[in-house]
C-alpha atoms as a PDB file:
ATOM      1  CA  MET A   1      20.950  25.071 -10.949  1.00  0.00           C
ATOM      2  CA  SER A   2      21.397  21.841 -12.886  1.00  0.00           C
ATOM      3  CA  THR A   3      18.159  20.064 -13.912  1.00  0.00           C
ATOM      4  CA  THR A   4      17.295  16.478 -14.330  1.00  0.00           C
ATOM      5  CA  SER A   5      14.734  15.361 -16.912  1.00  0.00           C
ATOM      6  CA  GLN A   6      11.558  13.668 -15.973  1.00  0.00           C
ATOM      7  CA  ARG A   7      12.628  10.470 -17.754  1.00  0.00           C
ATOM      8  CA  GLU A   8      16.036  10.563 -15.942  1.00  0.00           C
ATOM      9  CA  LEU A   9      14.091  10.741 -12.581  1.00  0.00           C
ATOM     10  CA  ARG A  10      11.958   7.789 -13.548  1.00  0.00           C
ATOM     11  CA  VAL A  11      15.026   5.793 -14.425  1.00  0.00           C
ATOM     12  CA  GLN A  12      16.492   6.743 -11.084  1.00  0.00           C
ATOM     13  CA  PHE A  13      13.358   5.491  -9.425  1.00  0.00           C
ATOM     14  CA  ARG A  14      13.581   2.209 -11.297  1.00  0.00           C
ATOM     15  CA  GLN A  15      17.201   1.836 -10.097  1.00  0.00           C
ATOM     16  CA  LEU A  16      15.950   2.318  -6.442  1.00  0.00           C
ATOM     17  CA  LEU A  17      13.393  -0.365  -7.010  1.00  0.00           C
ATOM     18  CA  ALA A  18      16.103  -2.738  -8.413  1.00  0.00           C
ATOM     19  CA  SER A  19      18.375  -2.184  -5.492  1.00  0.00           C
ATOM     20  CA  ASN A  20      18.604  -4.212  -2.323  1.00  0.00           C
ATOM     21  CA  ALA A  21      17.785  -1.279   0.019  1.00  0.00           C
ATOM     22  CA  CYS A  22      14.651   0.248   1.600  1.00  0.00           C
ATOM     23  CA  TYR A  23      14.287   4.046   1.349  1.00  0.00           C
ATOM     24  CA  ASP A  24      12.483   6.463   3.643  1.00  0.00           C
ATOM     25  CA  THR A  25      10.401   8.864   1.628  1.00  0.00           C
ATOM     26  CA  ALA A  26      10.291  12.648   2.148  1.00  0.00           C
ATOM     27  CA  SER A  27       6.858  14.288   2.205  1.00  0.00           C
ATOM     28  CA  VAL A  28       6.797  16.984  -0.483  1.00  0.00           C
ATOM     29  CA  PHE A  29       3.814  19.245  -0.915  1.00  0.00           C
ATOM     30  CA  ASP A  30       4.935  22.148  -3.096  1.00  0.00           C
ATOM     31  CA  PRO A  31       7.958  23.069  -5.243  1.00  0.00           C
ATOM     32  CA  MET A  32      10.018  24.478  -2.326  1.00  0.00           C
ATOM     33  CA  SER A  33       9.633  21.389  -0.224  1.00  0.00           C
ATOM     34  CA  ALA A  34      10.668  19.198  -3.232  1.00  0.00           C
ATOM     35  CA  ARG A  35      13.839  21.238  -3.676  1.00  0.00           C
ATOM     36  CA  ILE A  36      14.626  21.041   0.054  1.00  0.00           C
ATOM     37  CA  ALA A  37      14.191  17.217   0.083  1.00  0.00           C
ATOM     38  CA  ALA A  38      16.492  16.771  -2.896  1.00  0.00           C
ATOM     39  CA  ASP A  39      19.059  19.102  -1.412  1.00  0.00           C
ATOM     40  CA  LEU A  40      19.038  17.163   1.838  1.00  0.00           C
ATOM     41  CA  GLY A  41      19.814  13.974  -0.026  1.00  0.00           C
ATOM     42  CA  PHE A  42      16.516  12.209   0.019  1.00  0.00           C
ATOM     43  CA  GLU A  43      16.232   9.595  -2.765  1.00  0.00           C
ATOM     44  CA  VAL A  44      12.546   9.944  -3.276  1.00  0.00           C
ATOM     45  CA  GLY A  45       9.664  12.202  -2.346  1.00  0.00           C
ATOM     46  CA  ILE A  46       5.943  11.621  -2.096  1.00  0.00           C
ATOM     47  CA  LEU A  47       2.903  13.799  -2.497  1.00  0.00           C
ATOM     48  CA  GLY A  48       0.205  12.230  -0.339  1.00  0.00           C
ATOM     49  CA  GLY A  49      -3.484  12.496  -1.230  1.00  0.00           C
ATOM     50  CA  SER A  50      -4.320  13.696   2.289  1.00  0.00           C
ATOM     51  CA  VAL A  51      -1.638  16.290   2.098  1.00  0.00           C
ATOM     52  CA  ALA A  52      -2.763  17.487  -1.329  1.00  0.00           C
ATOM     53  CA  SER A  53      -6.371  17.851  -0.071  1.00  0.00           C
ATOM     54  CA  LEU A  54      -5.177  19.963   2.909  1.00  0.00           C
ATOM     55  CA  GLN A  55      -2.722  22.072   0.822  1.00  0.00           C
ATOM     56  CA  VAL A  56      -5.063  22.756  -2.149  1.00  0.00           C
ATOM     57  CA  LEU A  57      -8.515  22.839  -0.453  1.00  0.00           C
ATOM     58  CA  ALA A  58      -7.896  23.030   3.207  1.00  0.00           C
ATOM     59  CA  ALA A  59     -10.178  20.109   3.407  1.00  0.00           C
ATOM     60  CA  PRO A  60      -9.845  16.611   5.006  1.00  0.00           C
ATOM     61  CA  ASP A  61      -9.004  13.422   3.061  1.00  0.00           C
ATOM     62  CA  PHE A  62     -12.548  12.612   2.051  1.00  0.00           C
ATOM     63  CA  ALA A  63     -11.886  12.311  -1.734  1.00  0.00           C
ATOM     64  CA  LEU A  64     -12.984  15.866  -2.277  1.00  0.00           C
ATOM     65  CA  ILE A  65     -10.003  16.974  -4.394  1.00  0.00           C
ATOM     66  CA  THR A  66     -10.564  16.611  -8.173  1.00  0.00           C
ATOM     67  CA  LEU A  67      -8.168  15.165 -10.603  1.00  0.00           C
ATOM     68  CA  SER A  68      -7.382  18.537 -12.307  1.00  0.00           C
ATOM     69  CA  GLU A  69      -6.677  20.114  -8.867  1.00  0.00           C
ATOM     70  CA  PHE A  70      -4.418  17.156  -7.916  1.00  0.00           C
ATOM     71  CA  VAL A  71      -2.562  17.279 -11.277  1.00  0.00           C
ATOM     72  CA  GLU A  72      -2.015  20.941 -11.018  1.00  0.00           C
ATOM     73  CA  GLN A  73      -0.153  20.509  -7.720  1.00  0.00           C
ATOM     74  CA  ALA A  74       1.787  17.520  -8.989  1.00  0.00           C
ATOM     75  CA  THR A  75       2.846  19.559 -12.021  1.00  0.00           C
ATOM     76  CA  ARG A  76       4.104  22.459  -9.851  1.00  0.00           C
ATOM     77  CA  ILE A  77       6.281  19.917  -7.925  1.00  0.00           C
ATOM     78  CA  GLY A  78       7.295  17.996 -11.045  1.00  0.00           C
ATOM     79  CA  ARG A  79       8.458  21.183 -12.795  1.00  0.00           C
ATOM     80  CA  VAL A  80      11.252  21.704 -10.316  1.00  0.00           C
ATOM     81  CA  ALA A  81      11.851  18.278  -8.639  1.00  0.00           C
ATOM     82  CA  GLN A  82      15.410  17.028  -8.644  1.00  0.00           C
ATOM     83  CA  LEU A  83      14.389  13.700  -7.034  1.00  0.00           C
ATOM     84  CA  PRO A  84      11.875  11.050  -8.171  1.00  0.00           C
ATOM     85  CA  VAL A  85       8.341  11.880  -6.860  1.00  0.00           C
ATOM     86  CA  ILE A  86       5.621   9.353  -5.939  1.00  0.00           C
ATOM     87  CA  VAL A  87       1.985  10.532  -6.018  1.00  0.00           C
ATOM     88  CA  ASP A  88      -1.044   9.016  -4.313  1.00  0.00           C
ATOM     89  CA  ALA A  89      -3.517   8.885  -7.120  1.00  0.00           C
ATOM     90  CA  ASP A  90      -6.173   7.460  -4.780  1.00  0.00           C
ATOM     91  CA  HIS A  91      -8.757   5.383  -6.668  1.00  0.00           C
ATOM     92  CA  GLY A  92      -7.771   6.829 -10.070  1.00  0.00           C
ATOM     93  CA  TYR A  93     -10.693   9.264  -9.756  1.00  0.00           C
ATOM     94  CA  GLY A  94     -13.290   6.844 -11.087  1.00  0.00           C
ATOM     95  CA  ASN A  95     -13.649   3.703 -13.050  1.00  0.00           C
ATOM     96  CA  ALA A  96     -11.066   2.038 -15.286  1.00  0.00           C
ATOM     97  CA  LEU A  97     -11.575   4.654 -18.054  1.00  0.00           C
ATOM     98  CA  ASN A  98     -11.136   7.467 -15.538  1.00  0.00           C
ATOM     99  CA  VAL A  99      -7.913   5.756 -14.446  1.00  0.00           C
ATOM    100  CA  MET A 100      -6.559   5.988 -17.994  1.00  0.00           C
ATOM    101  CA  ARG A 101      -7.135   9.657 -17.915  1.00  0.00           C
ATOM    102  CA  THR A 102      -5.493   9.909 -14.490  1.00  0.00           C
ATOM    103  CA  VAL A 103      -2.346   8.180 -15.708  1.00  0.00           C
ATOM    104  CA  THR A 104      -2.145  10.274 -18.759  1.00  0.00           C
ATOM    105  CA  GLU A 105      -2.349  13.559 -16.792  1.00  0.00           C
ATOM    106  CA  LEU A 106       0.008  12.519 -14.011  1.00  0.00           C
ATOM    107  CA  GLU A 107       2.608  11.231 -16.472  1.00  0.00           C
ATOM    108  CA  ARG A 108       2.594  14.615 -18.145  1.00  0.00           C
ATOM    109  CA  ALA A 109       2.993  16.200 -14.758  1.00  0.00           C
ATOM    110  CA  GLY A 110       6.460  14.643 -14.425  1.00  0.00           C
ATOM    111  CA  ILE A 111       5.985  12.201 -11.551  1.00  0.00           C
ATOM    112  CA  ALA A 112       8.054   8.995 -11.349  1.00  0.00           C
ATOM    113  CA  MET A 113       5.545   6.626  -9.802  1.00  0.00           C
ATOM    114  CA  LEU A 114       1.840   6.586  -8.883  1.00  0.00           C
ATOM    115  CA  THR A 115      -0.165   4.376  -6.538  1.00  0.00           C
ATOM    116  CA  LEU A 116      -3.753   3.292  -7.345  1.00  0.00           C
ATOM    117  CA  GLU A 117      -5.826   1.881  -4.510  1.00  0.00           C
ATOM    118  CA  ASP A 118      -8.699  -0.529  -4.321  1.00  0.00           C
ATOM    119  CA  THR A 119     -10.705   1.396  -1.718  1.00  0.00           C
ATOM    120  CA  LEU A 120     -14.332   2.211  -2.591  1.00  0.00           C
ATOM    121  CA  LEU A 121     -13.972   5.968  -3.201  1.00  0.00           C
ATOM    122  CA  PRO A 122     -15.566   8.302  -2.614  1.00  0.00           C
ATOM    123  CA  ALA A 123     -17.307   6.571   0.304  1.00  0.00           C
ATOM    124  CA  GLN A 124     -20.737   5.348  -0.652  1.00  0.00           C
ATOM    125  CA  PHE A 125     -24.036   5.833   1.224  1.00  0.00           C
ATOM    126  CA  GLY A 126     -24.167   3.272   3.989  1.00  0.00           C
ATOM    127  CA  HIS A 127     -20.622   2.027   3.432  1.00  0.00           C
ATOM    128  CA  LYS A 128     -17.509   2.264   5.542  1.00  0.00           C
ATOM    129  CA  SER A 129     -14.566   4.443   4.243  1.00  0.00           C
ATOM    130  CA  THR A 130     -12.374   1.255   4.375  1.00  0.00           C
ATOM    131  CA  ASP A 131     -14.551  -0.858   2.039  1.00  0.00           C
ATOM    132  CA  LEU A 132     -12.727  -2.243  -0.918  1.00  0.00           C
ATOM    133  CA  ILE A 133     -13.873  -2.857  -4.498  1.00  0.00           C
ATOM    134  CA  CYS A 134     -13.889  -6.401  -5.908  1.00  0.00           C
ATOM    135  CA  VAL A 135     -10.575  -7.857  -7.138  1.00  0.00           C
ATOM    136  CA  ASP A 136     -11.821  -8.151 -10.698  1.00  0.00           C
ATOM    137  CA  GLU A 137     -12.730  -4.441 -10.924  1.00  0.00           C
ATOM    138  CA  MET A 138      -9.382  -3.518  -9.511  1.00  0.00           C
ATOM    139  CA  VAL A 139      -7.542  -5.647 -11.996  1.00  0.00           C
ATOM    140  CA  GLY A 140      -9.424  -4.020 -14.764  1.00  0.00           C
ATOM    141  CA  LYS A 141      -8.316  -0.611 -13.496  1.00  0.00           C
ATOM    142  CA  LEU A 142      -4.699  -1.636 -13.144  1.00  0.00           C
ATOM    143  CA  ARG A 143      -4.659  -3.090 -16.718  1.00  0.00           C
ATOM    144  CA  ALA A 144      -6.235   0.106 -17.978  1.00  0.00           C
ATOM    145  CA  ALA A 145      -3.500   2.205 -16.176  1.00  0.00           C
ATOM    146  CA  ILE A 146      -0.758   0.141 -17.822  1.00  0.00           C
ATOM    147  CA  GLU A 147      -2.363   0.504 -21.221  1.00  0.00           C
ATOM    148  CA  ALA A 148      -2.543   4.259 -20.795  1.00  0.00           C
ATOM    149  CA  ARG A 149       1.092   4.656 -19.795  1.00  0.00           C
ATOM    150  CA  VAL A 150       3.218   6.102 -22.547  1.00  0.00           C
ATOM    151  CA  ASP A 151       6.688   6.255 -20.902  1.00  0.00           C
ATOM    152  CA  PRO A 152       7.535   2.619 -19.860  1.00  0.00           C
ATOM    153  CA  GLU A 153       9.841   4.045 -17.156  1.00  0.00           C
ATOM    154  CA  LEU A 154       6.821   5.432 -15.233  1.00  0.00           C
ATOM    155  CA  SER A 155       6.047   3.090 -12.399  1.00  0.00           C
ATOM    156  CA  ILE A 156       2.583   2.007 -11.364  1.00  0.00           C
ATOM    157  CA  PHE A 157       1.936   0.402  -7.974  1.00  0.00           C
ATOM    158  CA  ALA A 158      -1.286  -1.171  -6.811  1.00  0.00           C
ATOM    159  CA  ARG A 159      -2.289  -0.270  -3.254  1.00  0.00           C
ATOM    160  CA  THR A 160      -4.509  -2.222  -0.881  1.00  0.00           C
ATOM    161  CA  ASN A 161      -5.450  -2.032   2.770  1.00  0.00           C
ATOM    162  CA  ALA A 162      -3.887  -4.934   4.637  1.00  0.00           C
ATOM    163  CA  GLY A 163      -5.502  -3.881   7.838  1.00  0.00           C
ATOM    164  CA  VAL A 164      -9.112  -4.797   6.782  1.00  0.00           C
ATOM    165  CA  LEU A 165      -8.226  -8.245   5.208  1.00  0.00           C
ATOM    166  CA  ASP A 166      -7.303 -11.540   6.634  1.00  0.00           C
ATOM    167  CA  ASP A 167      -4.040 -13.056   5.354  1.00  0.00           C
ATOM    168  CA  GLU A 168      -5.596 -15.352   2.836  1.00  0.00           C
ATOM    169  CA  ALA A 169      -7.693 -12.591   1.236  1.00  0.00           C
ATOM    170  CA  LEU A 170      -4.834 -10.158   1.216  1.00  0.00           C
ATOM    171  CA  ILE A 171      -2.437 -12.650  -0.420  1.00  0.00           C
ATOM    172  CA  GLN A 172      -4.963 -13.518  -3.033  1.00  0.00           C
ATOM    173  CA  ARG A 173      -5.566  -9.860  -3.884  1.00  0.00           C
ATOM    174  CA  VAL A 174      -1.911  -8.827  -4.173  1.00  0.00           C
ATOM    175  CA  LYS A 175      -1.092 -11.911  -6.277  1.00  0.00           C
ATOM    176  CA  ARG A 176      -3.832 -10.958  -8.698  1.00  0.00           C
ATOM    177  CA  TYR A 177      -2.501  -7.365  -8.814  1.00  0.00           C
ATOM    178  CA  GLN A 178       1.025  -8.688  -9.418  1.00  0.00           C
ATOM    179  CA  ALA A 179      -0.255 -10.890 -12.259  1.00  0.00           C
ATOM    180  CA  ALA A 180      -1.945  -7.892 -13.823  1.00  0.00           C
ATOM    181  CA  GLY A 181       1.514  -6.438 -14.536  1.00  0.00           C
ATOM    182  CA  VAL A 182       1.981  -3.649 -12.054  1.00  0.00           C
ATOM    183  CA  ASP A 183       5.550  -2.605 -11.085  1.00  0.00           C
ATOM    184  CA  GLY A 184       4.989  -3.006  -7.357  1.00  0.00           C
ATOM    185  CA  ILE A 185       2.494  -3.451  -4.442  1.00  0.00           C
ATOM    186  CA  CYS A 186       1.843  -0.792  -1.892  1.00  0.00           C
ATOM    187  CA  MET A 187       0.167  -1.754   1.394  1.00  0.00           C
ATOM    188  CA  VAL A 188      -1.226   0.169   4.369  1.00  0.00           C
ATOM    189  CA  GLY A 189      -2.075  -1.566   7.632  1.00  0.00           C
ATOM    190  CA  ILE A 190       0.748  -4.042   7.793  1.00  0.00           C
ATOM    191  CA  ARG A 191       1.112  -4.731  11.592  1.00  0.00           C
ATOM    192  CA  ASP A 192       4.631  -5.992  11.960  1.00  0.00           C
ATOM    193  CA  ILE A 193       7.504  -7.873  10.366  1.00  0.00           C
ATOM    194  CA  ASP A 194       5.814 -11.272  10.827  1.00  0.00           C
ATOM    195  CA  HIS A 195       2.645  -9.984   9.087  1.00  0.00           C
ATOM    196  CA  LEU A 196       4.787  -8.548   6.216  1.00  0.00           C
ATOM    197  CA  ALA A 197       6.773 -11.787   5.854  1.00  0.00           C
ATOM    198  CA  ARG A 198       3.565 -13.881   5.449  1.00  0.00           C
ATOM    199  CA  VAL A 199       2.588 -11.780   2.558  1.00  0.00           C
ATOM    200  CA  SER A 200       5.859 -10.905   0.880  1.00  0.00           C
ATOM    201  CA  GLU A 201       6.845 -14.601   0.398  1.00  0.00           C
ATOM    202  CA  HIS A 202       4.101 -14.828  -2.277  1.00  0.00           C
ATOM    203  CA  LEU A 203       5.276 -11.781  -4.245  1.00  0.00           C
ATOM    204  CA  SER A 204       8.264 -11.166  -6.553  1.00  0.00           C
ATOM    205  CA  ILE A 205       7.822  -7.439  -7.244  1.00  0.00           C
ATOM    206  CA  PRO A 206       8.941  -4.490  -5.123  1.00  0.00           C
ATOM    207  CA  LEU A 207       6.844  -3.446  -2.078  1.00  0.00           C
ATOM    208  CA  MET A 208       5.947  -0.132  -0.590  1.00  0.00           C
ATOM    209  CA  LEU A 209       4.612   0.332   2.902  1.00  0.00           C
ATOM    210  CA  ILE A 210       2.461   3.145   4.332  1.00  0.00           C
ATOM    211  CA  ALA A 211       3.687   2.679   7.916  1.00  0.00           C
ATOM    212  CA  TYR A 212       2.558   5.960   9.599  1.00  0.00           C
ATOM    213  CA  GLY A 213       5.431   5.710  12.031  1.00  0.00           C
ATOM    214  CA  ASN A 214       4.603   2.130  13.142  1.00  0.00           C
ATOM    215  CA  PRO A 215       7.676   1.319  15.400  1.00  0.00           C
ATOM    216  CA  GLU A 216       7.368  -2.388  14.348  1.00  0.00           C
ATOM    217  CA  LEU A 217       8.291  -1.278  10.753  1.00  0.00           C
ATOM    218  CA  ARG A 218      11.376   0.887  11.353  1.00  0.00           C
ATOM    219  CA  ASP A 219      14.096  -1.594  10.659  1.00  0.00           C
ATOM    220  CA  LEU A 220      14.958  -0.624   7.092  1.00  0.00           C
ATOM    221  CA  GLU A 221      17.458  -3.502   6.647  1.00  0.00           C
ATOM    222  CA  ARG A 222      14.885  -6.107   7.616  1.00  0.00           C
ATOM    223  CA  LEU A 223      12.199  -4.439   5.495  1.00  0.00           C
ATOM    224  CA  ALA A 224      14.629  -4.456   2.512  1.00  0.00           C
ATOM    225  CA  GLU A 225      15.274  -8.186   3.011  1.00  0.00           C
ATOM    226  CA  LEU A 226      11.504  -8.711   2.666  1.00  0.00           C
ATOM    227  CA  GLY A 227      11.325  -6.848  -0.564  1.00  0.00           C
ATOM    228  CA  VAL A 228      10.267  -3.407   0.673  1.00  0.00           C
ATOM    229  CA  ARG A 229      11.908  -0.575  -1.287  1.00  0.00           C
ATOM    230  CA  MET A 230       9.905   2.413  -0.146  1.00  0.00           C
ATOM    231  CA  VAL A 231       8.384   3.226   3.246  1.00  0.00           C
ATOM    232  CA  VAL A 232       6.220   6.195   4.081  1.00  0.00           C
ATOM    233  CA  ASN A 233       6.191   7.250   7.777  1.00  0.00           C
ATOM    234  CA  GLY A 234       3.621   9.979   7.571  1.00  0.00           C
ATOM    235  CA  HIS A 235       3.909  13.549   6.474  1.00  0.00           C
ATOM    236  CA  ALA A 236       5.499  15.301   9.419  1.00  0.00           C
ATOM    237  CA  ALA A 237       7.125  18.007   7.331  1.00  0.00           C
ATOM    238  CA  TYR A 238       3.739  19.239   6.029  1.00  0.00           C
ATOM    239  CA  PHE A 239       2.215  19.296   9.539  1.00  0.00           C
ATOM    240  CA  ALA A 240       5.270  21.068  10.935  1.00  0.00           C
ATOM    241  CA  ALA A 241       4.780  23.752   8.313  1.00  0.00           C
ATOM    242  CA  ILE A 242       1.110  24.248   9.472  1.00  0.00           C
ATOM    243  CA  LYS A 243       2.300  24.514  13.054  1.00  0.00           C
ATOM    244  CA  ALA A 244       5.114  26.936  12.208  1.00  0.00           C
ATOM    245  CA  THR A 245       2.729  29.221  10.250  1.00  0.00           C
ATOM    246  CA  TYR A 246       0.192  29.299  13.046  1.00  0.00           C
ATOM    247  CA  ASP A 247       2.785  30.094  15.719  1.00  0.00           C
ATOM    248  CA  CYS A 248       4.465  32.724  13.536  1.00  0.00           C
ATOM    249  CA  LEU A 249       1.147  34.514  12.768  1.00  0.00           C
ATOM    250  CA  ARG A 250       0.114  34.358  16.449  1.00  0.00           C
ATOM    251  CA  GLU A 251       3.445  35.965  17.435  1.00  0.00           C
ATOM    252  CA  GLN A 252       2.936  38.671  14.713  1.00  0.00           C
ATOM    253  CA  ARG A 253      -0.456  39.562  16.234  1.00  0.00           C
ATOM    254  CA  GLY A 254       0.959  39.573  19.730  1.00  0.00           C
ATOM    255  CA  ILE A 255      -1.070  36.536  20.766  1.00  0.00           C
ATOM    256  CA  SER A 256       0.419  34.275  23.371  1.00  0.00           C
ATOM    257  CA  ALA A 257       1.786  30.979  22.389  1.00  0.00           C
ATOM    258  CA  SER A 258      -0.551  28.112  21.607  1.00  0.00           C
ATOM    259  CA  LYS A 259      -0.465  24.607  22.900  1.00  0.00           C
ATOM    260  CA  LEU A 260      -2.422  23.198  19.962  1.00  0.00           C
ATOM    261  CA  SER A 261      -0.513  20.444  18.111  1.00  0.00           C
ATOM    262  CA  ALA A 262      -0.059  20.232  14.379  1.00  0.00           C
ATOM    263  CA  SER A 263      -2.665  17.540  14.192  1.00  0.00           C
ATOM    264  CA  GLU A 264      -5.164  19.587  16.165  1.00  0.00           C
ATOM    265  CA  LEU A 265      -4.499  22.603  13.946  1.00  0.00           C
ATOM    266  CA  SER A 266      -5.087  20.436  10.914  1.00  0.00           C
ATOM    267  CA  THR A 267      -8.415  19.190  12.285  1.00  0.00           C
ATOM    268  CA  LYS A 268      -9.570  22.708  13.177  1.00  0.00           C
ATOM    269  CA  TYR A 269      -8.644  24.502   9.928  1.00  0.00           C
ATOM    270  CA  SER A 270      -9.691  21.671   7.603  1.00  0.00           C
ATOM    271  CA  THR A 271     -13.180  21.884   9.312  1.00  0.00           C
ATOM    272  CA  LEU A 272     -13.001  18.081   9.815  1.00  0.00           C
ATOM    273  CA  GLU A 273     -15.759  17.952  12.334  1.00  0.00           C
ATOM    274  CA  GLU A 274     -18.162  19.815  10.029  1.00  0.00           C
ATOM    275  CA  TYR A 275     -17.448  17.301   7.296  1.00  0.00           C
ATOM    276  CA  ARG A 276     -18.083  14.446   9.720  1.00  0.00           C
ATOM    277  CA  ILE A 277     -21.401  15.932  10.627  1.00  0.00           C
ATOM    278  CA  TRP A 278     -22.415  16.176   6.984  1.00  0.00           C
ATOM    279  CA  ALA A 279     -21.324  12.608   6.391  1.00  0.00           C
ATOM    280  CA  ARG A 280     -23.449  11.312   9.295  1.00  0.00           C
ATOM    281  CA  GLU A 281     -26.388  13.402   8.167  1.00  0.00           C
ATOM    282  CA  TYR A 282     -26.337  12.519   4.468  1.00  0.00           C
ATOM    283  CA  MET A 283     -24.368   9.336   4.008  1.00  0.00           C
ATOM    284  CA  GLU A 284     -25.265   7.051   6.851  1.00  0.00           C
ATOM    285  CA  VAL A 285     -28.242   4.781   7.092  1.00  0.00           C
ATOM    286  CA  LYS A 286     -30.817   5.927   9.572  1.00  0.00           C
ATOM    287  CA  GLU A 287     -32.256   3.412  12.002  1.00  0.00           C
END
């Protein structure tokens, strides 16, 4: 099997960013899925933070996975990947100095691009899981990430939650992130094309959307016209693998077919409800 170097994959990713097209990302979660995605012709794959938490810890996406655990999984994928791989580096696993360590480790893992988000993670006592850090702190983290990068072909995107900000606050944030020197902006919570257009007109760098299958954001040609180069429509491949494993093992044990969905199985076996109880008990302000 022919191999492509990590640097070549990063250059390929840069070429995608420089194109006039928008690409649908493949959810990859282990070396086998990365090989499958490349063989099927996907231009880019993504290792999501929520998927990594489920795959490595069987735990929900509550910022429980450590940097070393995440890097190990990214390295396994990067070792065999024949397509550029994006990774969700969450908040960089700490402050600006922690971000520098995160960039160093993930660059060595062989990934092509990483996103860093401005969410207050892990969620703090009395705070919502959607609270954001201040813009100045995030700019410092982004500048630190760029400083830590060795290979200039590695792409660094700043991510923010458009669903919890009004248009003015969102635009001011992403403009500051662009000025910090990142290679692109990643947004979750964009509602529709009009919402995207109001933001994108203020930016000149590539965009990435976390769309979660939003039917308002499925027109790849229109997204491309507005500067979007990557769109993530969830991680159906991973959840299909959970469902297939469950059904196969039930059949092997002679147990009748189950009507549980992949999402319900994920909730059950990640013990999500137990974590929610702990969060209410130990992290919420009592009246």
